[in-house]
Amino acid sequence: MIKLCVGIDSYEDLETAIALRAKSGGRTYLSSHITRMWPKQEDALLNGGSLYWVIKGFVQARQNIVRLDEVTGADGVRRCAILMEPKLIRTSSAPRRPFQGWRYLKPVDAPSDLPDSRKSDDALPKELALALADIGLR
């Protein structure tokens, strides 16, 4: 699954936001995202699926999905809470055009996780990242 990370400017910003929520949530904290629609591909998401985050036009991170919970908003509308491990995993940078809501991401299209030795690398300039993606080198 892939989703735009609205209001976040960098991988580090998202990591900080998750850490702050986890600190107040205690040891059993799970990161969450509430959505109106229940995913039809629930089985695939719950068997090793991840939520990939698009930050400033590039997929930069993912979180492993743990479960889906039904929640009811203050307006009485039934929604889906996507619960994820709080650990944020940095991925190789992959450009993504804006879209609304969330989309399914085919495993073949998912960017790879960055090895531990590259997790502190600086982000590539946007133009360079786009040029590399155009020639098939993400």
N, C-alpha and C. Protein backbone atom coordinates (compact mmCIF):
# COMPACT_ATOMS: atom_id res chain seq x y z
N MET A 1 0.86 -1.16 0.00
CA MET A 1 0.00 0.00 0.00
C MET A 1 0.91 1.23 0.00
N ILE A 2 0.47 2.27 -0.68
CA ILE A 2 1.26 3.50 -0.76
C ILE A 2 0.37 4.69 -0.43
N LYS A 3 0.94 5.68 0.27
CA LYS A 3 0.16 6.82 0.75
C LYS A 3 1.04 8.06 0.78
N LEU A 4 0.46 9.22 0.42
CA LEU A 4 1.18 10.48 0.56
C LEU A 4 1.29 10.81 2.05
N CYS A 5 2.44 11.31 2.45
CA CYS A 5 2.67 11.69 3.84
C CYS A 5 2.51 13.21 3.95
N VAL A 6 1.28 13.65 4.13
CA VAL A 6 0.95 15.07 4.13
C VAL A 6 1.43 15.74 5.41
N GLY A 7 2.03 16.93 5.26
CA GLY A 7 2.48 17.70 6.41
C GLY A 7 3.85 17.31 6.93
N ILE A 8 4.50 16.39 6.26
CA ILE A 8 5.85 15.94 6.66
C ILE A 8 6.81 16.33 5.55
N ASP A 9 7.96 16.90 5.92
CA ASP A 9 8.92 17.39 4.92
C ASP A 9 10.09 16.47 4.65
N SER A 10 10.33 15.49 5.52
CA SER A 10 11.50 14.62 5.34
C SER A 10 11.30 13.30 6.09
N TYR A 11 12.15 12.35 5.77
CA TYR A 11 12.16 11.07 6.49
C TYR A 11 12.35 11.32 7.98
N GLU A 12 13.28 12.21 8.31
CA GLU A 12 13.58 12.51 9.71
C GLU A 12 12.36 13.11 10.43
N ASP A 13 11.60 13.96 9.73
CA ASP A 13 10.39 14.53 10.34
C ASP A 13 9.38 13.43 10.67
N LEU A 14 9.20 12.49 9.75
CA LEU A 14 8.26 11.39 9.99
C LEU A 14 8.75 10.52 11.14
N GLU A 15 10.04 10.24 11.15
CA GLU A 15 10.63 9.43 12.22
C GLU A 15 10.42 10.10 13.59
N THR A 16 10.60 11.41 13.65
CA THR A 16 10.40 12.16 14.89
C THR A 16 8.94 12.14 15.33
N ALA A 17 8.02 12.33 14.37
CA ALA A 17 6.59 12.33 14.68
C ALA A 17 6.16 10.97 15.24
N ILE A 18 6.64 9.90 14.65
CA ILE A 18 6.31 8.55 15.12
C ILE A 18 6.89 8.32 16.51
N ALA A 19 8.13 8.75 16.72
CA ALA A 19 8.78 8.57 18.03
C ALA A 19 8.05 9.33 19.13
N LEU A 20 7.58 10.53 18.83
CA LEU A 20 6.83 11.31 19.83
C LEU A 20 5.52 10.63 20.20
N ARG A 21 4.82 10.12 19.19
CA ARG A 21 3.56 9.41 19.47
C ARG A 21 3.83 8.12 20.24
N ALA A 22 4.90 7.43 19.88
CA ALA A 22 5.23 6.17 20.55
C ALA A 22 5.57 6.41 22.02
N LYS A 23 6.26 7.51 22.30
CA LYS A 23 6.64 7.84 23.67
C LYS A 23 5.41 8.02 24.55
N SER A 24 4.39 8.67 24.02
CA SER A 24 3.17 8.89 24.81
C SER A 24 2.25 7.67 24.79
N GLY A 25 2.48 6.74 23.84
CA GLY A 25 1.62 5.56 23.72
C GLY A 25 2.07 4.36 24.52
N GLY A 26 3.27 4.38 25.04
CA GLY A 26 3.75 3.27 25.85
C GLY A 26 4.36 2.14 25.04
N ARG A 27 4.66 1.04 25.73
CA ARG A 27 5.38 -0.09 25.12
C ARG A 27 4.57 -0.81 24.05
N THR A 28 3.26 -0.76 24.12
CA THR A 28 2.44 -1.51 23.16
C THR A 28 1.97 -0.63 22.01
N TYR A 29 2.56 0.54 21.86
CA TYR A 29 2.14 1.50 20.83
C TYR A 29 2.28 0.92 19.42
N LEU A 30 1.26 1.14 18.61
CA LEU A 30 1.31 0.85 17.19
C LEU A 30 0.97 2.13 16.45
N SER A 31 1.76 2.46 15.46
CA SER A 31 1.50 3.62 14.62
C SER A 31 0.21 3.36 13.84
N SER A 32 -0.57 4.39 13.54
CA SER A 32 -1.82 4.15 12.83
C SER A 32 -2.12 5.22 11.80
N HIS A 33 -2.92 4.84 10.84
CA HIS A 33 -3.47 5.76 9.85
C HIS A 33 -4.93 5.38 9.67
N ILE A 34 -5.82 6.36 9.79
CA ILE A 34 -7.25 6.12 9.65
C ILE A 34 -7.67 6.48 8.22
N THR A 35 -8.44 5.59 7.61
CA THR A 35 -8.92 5.80 6.25
C THR A 35 -10.40 5.45 6.17
N ARG A 36 -11.11 6.05 5.22
CA ARG A 36 -12.54 5.78 5.10
C ARG A 36 -12.82 4.40 4.53
N MET A 37 -12.00 3.96 3.61
CA MET A 37 -12.26 2.70 2.90
C MET A 37 -11.52 1.53 3.54
N TRP A 38 -12.19 0.38 3.59
CA TRP A 38 -11.57 -0.85 4.09
C TRP A 38 -10.85 -1.51 2.90
N PRO A 39 -9.57 -1.83 3.02
CA PRO A 39 -8.84 -2.44 1.90
C PRO A 39 -9.43 -3.79 1.50
N LYS A 40 -9.66 -3.97 0.21
CA LYS A 40 -10.17 -5.24 -0.30
C LYS A 40 -9.08 -6.32 -0.30
N GLN A 41 -7.83 -5.89 -0.38
CA GLN A 41 -6.72 -6.84 -0.39
C GLN A 41 -6.15 -7.01 1.02
N GLU A 42 -7.06 -7.16 1.97
CA GLU A 42 -6.70 -7.27 3.38
C GLU A 42 -5.71 -8.41 3.64
N ASP A 43 -5.95 -9.58 3.06
CA ASP A 43 -5.07 -10.73 3.31
C ASP A 43 -3.63 -10.45 2.90
N ALA A 44 -3.45 -9.83 1.74
CA ALA A 44 -2.10 -9.51 1.27
C ALA A 44 -1.42 -8.50 2.20
N LEU A 45 -2.19 -7.51 2.66
CA LEU A 45 -1.61 -6.49 3.55
C LEU A 45 -1.21 -7.08 4.89
N LEU A 46 -1.97 -8.06 5.38
CA LEU A 46 -1.70 -8.63 6.70
C LEU A 46 -0.68 -9.77 6.67
N ASN A 47 -0.26 -10.16 5.49
CA ASN A 47 0.74 -11.23 5.36
C ASN A 47 2.04 -10.66 4.80
N GLY A 48 2.65 -9.76 5.57
CA GLY A 48 3.93 -9.19 5.17
C GLY A 48 3.81 -7.88 4.43
N GLY A 49 2.64 -7.25 4.42
CA GLY A 49 2.45 -5.99 3.72
C GLY A 49 3.02 -4.80 4.48
N SER A 50 3.27 -3.73 3.74
CA SER A 50 3.79 -2.50 4.33
C SER A 50 3.03 -1.31 3.78
N LEU A 51 3.08 -0.22 4.52
CA LEU A 51 2.58 1.05 4.03
C LEU A 51 3.81 1.86 3.63
N TYR A 52 3.91 2.20 2.35
CA TYR A 52 5.02 2.99 1.82
C TYR A 52 4.61 4.45 1.85
N TRP A 53 5.48 5.31 2.38
CA TRP A 53 5.20 6.73 2.53
C TRP A 53 5.87 7.54 1.43
N VAL A 54 5.07 8.38 0.75
CA VAL A 54 5.59 9.32 -0.25
C VAL A 54 5.77 10.65 0.46
N ILE A 55 7.02 11.10 0.52
CA ILE A 55 7.37 12.35 1.19
C ILE A 55 7.96 13.30 0.16
N LYS A 56 7.29 14.43 -0.04
CA LYS A 56 7.75 15.44 -0.99
C LYS A 56 8.03 14.86 -2.38
N GLY A 57 7.12 14.02 -2.86
CA GLY A 57 7.20 13.50 -4.23
C GLY A 57 8.03 12.25 -4.41
N PHE A 58 8.57 11.69 -3.33
CA PHE A 58 9.39 10.49 -3.43
C PHE A 58 9.01 9.48 -2.35
N VAL A 59 8.92 8.21 -2.72
CA VAL A 59 8.78 7.17 -1.70
C VAL A 59 10.10 7.15 -0.96
N GLN A 60 10.04 7.28 0.37
CA GLN A 60 11.27 7.33 1.15
C GLN A 60 11.29 6.38 2.34
N ALA A 61 10.11 5.83 2.68
CA ALA A 61 10.05 5.02 3.90
C ALA A 61 8.86 4.06 3.82
N ARG A 62 8.91 3.07 4.71
CA ARG A 62 7.78 2.15 4.84
C ARG A 62 7.66 1.72 6.29
N GLN A 63 6.45 1.24 6.62
CA GLN A 63 6.20 0.64 7.93
C GLN A 63 5.46 -0.66 7.71
N ASN A 64 5.82 -1.69 8.45
CA ASN A 64 5.14 -2.98 8.36
C ASN A 64 3.74 -2.87 8.94
N ILE A 65 2.76 -3.40 8.21
CA ILE A 65 1.37 -3.40 8.67
C ILE A 65 1.15 -4.58 9.61
N VAL A 66 0.54 -4.32 10.76
CA VAL A 66 0.29 -5.34 11.77
C VAL A 66 -1.14 -5.85 11.69
N ARG A 67 -2.09 -4.91 11.63
CA ARG A 67 -3.50 -5.31 11.57
C ARG A 67 -4.36 -4.15 11.10
N LEU A 68 -5.62 -4.47 10.83
CA LEU A 68 -6.63 -3.48 10.46
C LEU A 68 -7.72 -3.53 11.51
N ASP A 69 -8.08 -2.39 12.06
CA ASP A 69 -9.14 -2.32 13.07
C ASP A 69 -10.27 -1.44 12.57
N GLU A 70 -11.48 -1.82 12.92
CA GLU A 70 -12.62 -0.97 12.61
C GLU A 70 -12.75 0.09 13.69
N VAL A 71 -12.91 1.34 13.27
CA VAL A 71 -13.12 2.45 14.20
C VAL A 71 -14.32 3.26 13.70
N THR A 72 -15.00 3.90 14.62
CA THR A 72 -16.14 4.75 14.26
C THR A 72 -15.79 6.17 14.64
N GLY A 73 -15.90 7.07 13.66
CA GLY A 73 -15.59 8.48 13.90
C GLY A 73 -16.67 9.16 14.72
N ALA A 74 -16.40 10.38 15.13
CA ALA A 74 -17.36 11.17 15.90
C ALA A 74 -18.64 11.39 15.10
N ASP A 75 -18.55 11.31 13.78
CA ASP A 75 -19.71 11.49 12.91
C ASP A 75 -20.51 10.21 12.72
N GLY A 76 -20.08 9.12 13.39
CA GLY A 76 -20.79 7.85 13.30
C GLY A 76 -20.43 7.01 12.10
N VAL A 77 -19.48 7.48 11.28
CA VAL A 77 -19.08 6.75 10.07
C VAL A 77 -18.01 5.72 10.42
N ARG A 78 -18.20 4.52 9.91
CA ARG A 78 -17.24 3.42 10.12
C ARG A 78 -16.00 3.66 9.25
N ARG A 79 -14.83 3.48 9.84
CA ARG A 79 -13.56 3.68 9.13
C ARG A 79 -12.61 2.52 9.43
N CYS A 80 -11.48 2.53 8.75
CA CYS A 80 -10.45 1.50 8.94
C CYS A 80 -9.19 2.14 9.52
N ALA A 81 -8.71 1.59 10.61
CA ALA A 81 -7.43 2.01 11.18
C ALA A 81 -6.38 1.01 10.72
N ILE A 82 -5.39 1.50 9.98
CA ILE A 82 -4.27 0.67 9.56
C ILE A 82 -3.22 0.79 10.65
N LEU A 83 -2.97 -0.29 11.38
CA LEU A 83 -2.02 -0.28 12.49
C LEU A 83 -0.70 -0.86 12.02
N MET A 84 0.38 -0.13 12.31
CA MET A 84 1.70 -0.49 11.83
C MET A 84 2.71 -0.51 12.96
N GLU A 85 3.79 -1.24 12.75
CA GLU A 85 4.90 -1.20 13.69
C GLU A 85 5.44 0.22 13.71
N PRO A 86 5.84 0.73 14.88
CA PRO A 86 6.36 2.10 14.93
C PRO A 86 7.72 2.26 14.24
N LYS A 87 8.42 1.16 13.99
CA LYS A 87 9.73 1.24 13.35
C LYS A 87 9.56 1.70 11.90
N LEU A 88 10.26 2.78 11.54
CA LEU A 88 10.25 3.31 10.19
C LEU A 88 11.46 2.77 9.45
N ILE A 89 11.23 2.26 8.26
CA ILE A 89 12.30 1.65 7.46
C ILE A 89 12.57 2.54 6.26
N ARG A 90 13.80 3.01 6.14
CA ARG A 90 14.17 3.88 5.00
C ARG A 90 14.28 3.03 3.74
N THR A 91 13.70 3.53 2.66
CA THR A 91 13.77 2.83 1.37
C THR A 91 14.59 3.65 0.39
N SER A 92 14.94 3.03 -0.73
CA SER A 92 15.57 3.81 -1.78
C SER A 92 14.54 4.82 -2.26
N SER A 93 15.00 5.95 -2.71
CA SER A 93 14.12 7.03 -3.13
C SER A 93 13.54 6.72 -4.50
N ALA A 94 12.20 6.80 -4.61
CA ALA A 94 11.53 6.53 -5.88
C ALA A 94 10.48 7.62 -6.12
N PRO A 95 10.55 8.30 -7.27
CA PRO A 95 9.60 9.39 -7.53
C PRO A 95 8.17 8.88 -7.66
N ARG A 96 7.23 9.67 -7.19
CA ARG A 96 5.80 9.33 -7.27
C ARG A 96 5.00 10.60 -7.49
N ARG A 97 4.12 10.57 -8.46
CA ARG A 97 3.24 11.72 -8.71
C ARG A 97 2.17 11.77 -7.62
N PRO A 98 1.61 12.97 -7.39
CA PRO A 98 0.56 13.09 -6.38
C PRO A 98 -0.68 12.26 -6.72
N PHE A 99 -1.37 11.79 -5.71
CA PHE A 99 -2.62 11.05 -5.88
C PHE A 99 -3.41 11.24 -4.59
N GLN A 100 -4.70 10.95 -4.66
CA GLN A 100 -5.53 11.07 -3.47
C GLN A 100 -5.70 9.73 -2.78
N GLY A 101 -5.83 9.77 -1.46
CA GLY A 101 -6.07 8.54 -0.72
C GLY A 101 -4.86 7.64 -0.70
N TRP A 102 -5.09 6.34 -0.78
CA TRP A 102 -4.01 5.38 -0.82
C TRP A 102 -4.20 4.50 -2.05
N ARG A 103 -3.17 3.82 -2.44
CA ARG A 103 -3.20 2.91 -3.59
C ARG A 103 -2.49 1.62 -3.20
N TYR A 104 -2.84 0.56 -3.91
CA TYR A 104 -2.09 -0.68 -3.74
C TYR A 104 -0.79 -0.54 -4.52
N LEU A 105 0.26 -1.11 -3.98
CA LEU A 105 1.58 -1.07 -4.61
C LEU A 105 1.99 -2.50 -4.89
N LYS A 106 2.22 -2.82 -6.15
CA LYS A 106 2.66 -4.17 -6.50
C LYS A 106 4.06 -4.40 -5.94
N PRO A 107 4.32 -5.58 -5.41
CA PRO A 107 5.65 -5.85 -4.84
C PRO A 107 6.79 -5.54 -5.82
N VAL A 108 6.58 -5.78 -7.09
CA VAL A 108 7.63 -5.52 -8.08
C VAL A 108 7.91 -4.02 -8.22
N ASP A 109 6.94 -3.17 -7.88
CA ASP A 109 7.11 -1.72 -7.99
C ASP A 109 7.59 -1.08 -6.69
N ALA A 110 7.66 -1.86 -5.62
CA ALA A 110 8.06 -1.31 -4.32
C ALA A 110 9.57 -1.05 -4.30
N PRO A 111 9.96 0.13 -3.82
CA PRO A 111 11.40 0.40 -3.71
C PRO A 111 12.03 -0.49 -2.65
N SER A 112 13.29 -0.80 -2.84
CA SER A 112 13.98 -1.68 -1.89
C SER A 112 14.37 -0.91 -0.63
N ASP A 113 14.52 -1.66 0.45
CA ASP A 113 15.00 -1.07 1.70
C ASP A 113 16.47 -0.68 1.51
N LEU A 114 16.86 0.42 2.13
CA LEU A 114 18.27 0.80 2.09
C LEU A 114 19.05 -0.05 3.07
N PRO A 115 20.24 -0.50 2.70
CA PRO A 115 21.06 -1.24 3.66
C PRO A 115 21.47 -0.33 4.82
N ASP A 116 21.73 -0.90 5.98
CA ASP A 116 22.11 -0.12 7.16
C ASP A 116 23.27 0.83 6.88
N SER A 117 24.19 0.43 6.03
CA SER A 117 25.36 1.27 5.75
C SER A 117 25.00 2.54 4.99
N ARG A 118 23.80 2.60 4.39
CA ARG A 118 23.40 3.77 3.60
C ARG A 118 22.28 4.59 4.25
N LYS A 119 21.86 4.22 5.44
CA LYS A 119 20.71 4.88 6.06
C LYS A 119 20.98 6.33 6.43
N SER A 120 22.23 6.71 6.58
CA SER A 120 22.53 8.11 6.92
C SER A 120 22.92 8.92 5.68
N ASP A 121 22.79 8.34 4.49
CA ASP A 121 23.10 9.08 3.26
C ASP A 121 22.20 10.31 3.13
N ASP A 122 22.74 11.37 2.57
CA ASP A 122 21.93 12.53 2.26
C ASP A 122 21.00 12.19 1.10
N ALA A 123 19.84 12.82 1.07
CA ALA A 123 18.91 12.62 -0.04
C ALA A 123 19.49 13.24 -1.30
N LEU A 124 19.25 12.59 -2.44
CA LEU A 124 19.71 13.14 -3.71
C LEU A 124 18.87 14.36 -4.06
N PRO A 125 19.46 15.31 -4.79
CA PRO A 125 18.65 16.41 -5.29
C PRO A 125 17.53 15.86 -6.18
N LYS A 126 16.37 16.51 -6.14
CA LYS A 126 15.18 16.02 -6.83
C LYS A 126 15.46 15.75 -8.32
N GLU A 127 16.13 16.68 -8.99
CA GLU A 127 16.40 16.52 -10.43
C GLU A 127 17.26 15.29 -10.72
N LEU A 128 18.26 15.05 -9.88
CA LEU A 128 19.12 13.89 -10.06
C LEU A 128 18.35 12.59 -9.81
N ALA A 129 17.54 12.57 -8.76
CA ALA A 129 16.74 11.38 -8.46
C ALA A 129 15.78 11.07 -9.61
N LEU A 130 15.16 12.11 -10.18
CA LEU A 130 14.25 11.90 -11.32
C LEU A 130 15.01 11.38 -12.54
N ALA A 131 16.18 11.93 -12.80
CA ALA A 131 16.97 11.48 -13.95
C ALA A 131 17.38 10.02 -13.78
N LEU A 132 17.79 9.64 -12.59
CA LEU A 132 18.17 8.24 -12.33
C LEU A 132 16.98 7.32 -12.49
N ALA A 133 15.80 7.75 -12.01
CA ALA A 133 14.59 6.94 -12.14
C ALA A 133 14.21 6.79 -13.61
N ASP A 134 14.40 7.83 -14.41
CA ASP A 134 14.07 7.78 -15.84
C ASP A 134 14.90 6.73 -16.58
N ILE A 135 16.13 6.51 -16.15
CA ILE A 135 16.96 5.50 -16.82
C ILE A 135 16.95 4.16 -16.11
N GLY A 136 16.06 4.04 -15.11
CA GLY A 136 15.89 2.76 -14.45
C GLY A 136 16.79 2.52 -13.25
N LEU A 137 17.46 3.54 -12.78
CA LEU A 137 18.33 3.42 -11.60
C LEU A 137 17.73 4.22 -10.46
N ARG A 138 16.99 3.56 -9.57
CA ARG A 138 16.40 4.33 -8.49
C ARG A 138 17.33 4.37 -7.36
